[in-house]
Amino acid sequence: MVGSENGLFVQYLKARKVPGARTVEDVRRAYESKVPMKRGCTTEDVAKAMLYIVDQKYETGQAVPVTAVRIC
């Protein structure tokens, strides 16, 4: 799993924000279970959003959120 020893899921585990979680993977699963697609954001998701923005001829000041839970 890609991540950091100081990532948010690590911080959430240490702070016991997810009752019963024993590992970072438990925390990730708990948060991803709340996402409608049941998964975190991927590099492909971000790339597709960027391509969409670049392809637009008449977009002005729009926010294109690419959000998910992969913040470990």
Protein backbone atom coordinates (compact mmCIF):
# COMPACT_ATOMS: atom_id res chain seq x y z
CA MET A 1 0.00 0.00 0.00
CA VAL A 2 1.34 3.40 -0.97
CA GLY A 3 1.50 5.77 1.92
CA SER A 4 3.45 7.59 4.51
CA GLU A 5 4.29 6.79 8.09
CA ASN A 6 2.69 10.17 8.89
CA GLY A 7 -0.29 9.83 6.52
CA LEU A 8 -3.82 10.63 7.61
CA PHE A 9 -4.82 7.00 8.04
CA VAL A 10 -1.81 6.49 10.32
CA GLN A 11 -2.80 9.58 12.30
CA TYR A 12 -6.41 8.37 12.51
CA LEU A 13 -5.25 4.97 13.76
CA LYS A 14 -3.04 6.54 16.44
CA ALA A 15 -5.87 8.89 17.48
CA ARG A 16 -8.32 5.95 17.55
CA LYS A 17 -10.78 7.75 15.28
CA VAL A 18 -12.09 4.42 13.97
CA PRO A 19 -13.37 2.26 16.82
CA GLY A 20 -11.97 -1.25 16.65
CA ALA A 21 -9.35 -0.46 13.99
CA ARG A 22 -6.08 -2.23 14.68
CA THR A 23 -4.22 -1.45 11.46
CA VAL A 24 -3.96 1.33 8.89
CA GLU A 25 -5.71 -1.03 6.48
CA ASP A 26 -8.67 -1.25 8.91
CA VAL A 27 -8.88 2.55 8.92
CA ARG A 28 -8.69 2.71 5.10
CA ARG A 29 -11.46 0.13 4.75
CA ALA A 30 -13.65 2.00 7.23
CA TYR A 31 -13.36 5.27 5.31
CA GLU A 32 -13.65 3.70 1.86
CA SER A 33 -16.83 1.93 2.96
CA LYS A 34 -18.41 5.41 3.24
CA VAL A 35 -17.57 6.31 -0.37
CA PRO A 36 -20.32 5.44 -2.89
CA MET A 37 -17.80 3.72 -5.20
CA LYS A 38 -16.31 1.82 -2.23
CA ARG A 39 -12.76 2.73 -3.23
CA GLY A 40 -10.27 5.54 -3.03
CA CYS A 41 -9.19 7.90 -5.78
CA THR A 42 -6.68 6.55 -8.29
CA THR A 43 -4.05 8.19 -10.46
CA GLU A 44 -6.29 7.38 -13.43
CA ASP A 45 -9.19 9.29 -11.81
CA VAL A 46 -7.02 12.40 -11.44
CA ALA A 47 -5.63 12.06 -14.98
CA LYS A 48 -9.14 11.81 -16.45
CA ALA A 49 -10.22 14.92 -14.56
CA MET A 50 -7.17 16.80 -15.85
CA LEU A 51 -7.86 15.70 -19.42
CA TYR A 52 -11.46 16.85 -19.07
CA ILE A 53 -10.32 20.29 -17.91
CA VAL A 54 -7.73 20.63 -20.69
CA ASP A 55 -10.27 19.57 -23.33
CA GLN A 56 -12.85 22.24 -22.44
CA LYS A 57 -13.18 25.17 -24.80
CA TYR A 58 -15.67 27.19 -22.77
CA GLU A 59 -15.17 26.47 -19.08
CA THR A 60 -14.66 29.44 -16.83
CA GLY A 61 -13.84 29.29 -13.16
CA GLN A 62 -15.11 25.79 -12.54
CA ALA A 63 -14.04 23.54 -9.71
CA VAL A 64 -13.68 19.90 -10.69
CA PRO A 65 -13.49 17.93 -7.48
CA VAL A 66 -11.66 14.63 -7.64
CA THR A 67 -12.13 13.36 -4.14
CA ALA A 68 -11.89 10.10 -2.39
CA VAL A 69 -10.34 8.52 0.61
CA ARG A 70 -6.90 7.51 -0.57
CA ILE A 71 -5.10 9.88 1.79
CA CYS A 72 -2.75 7.50 3.50
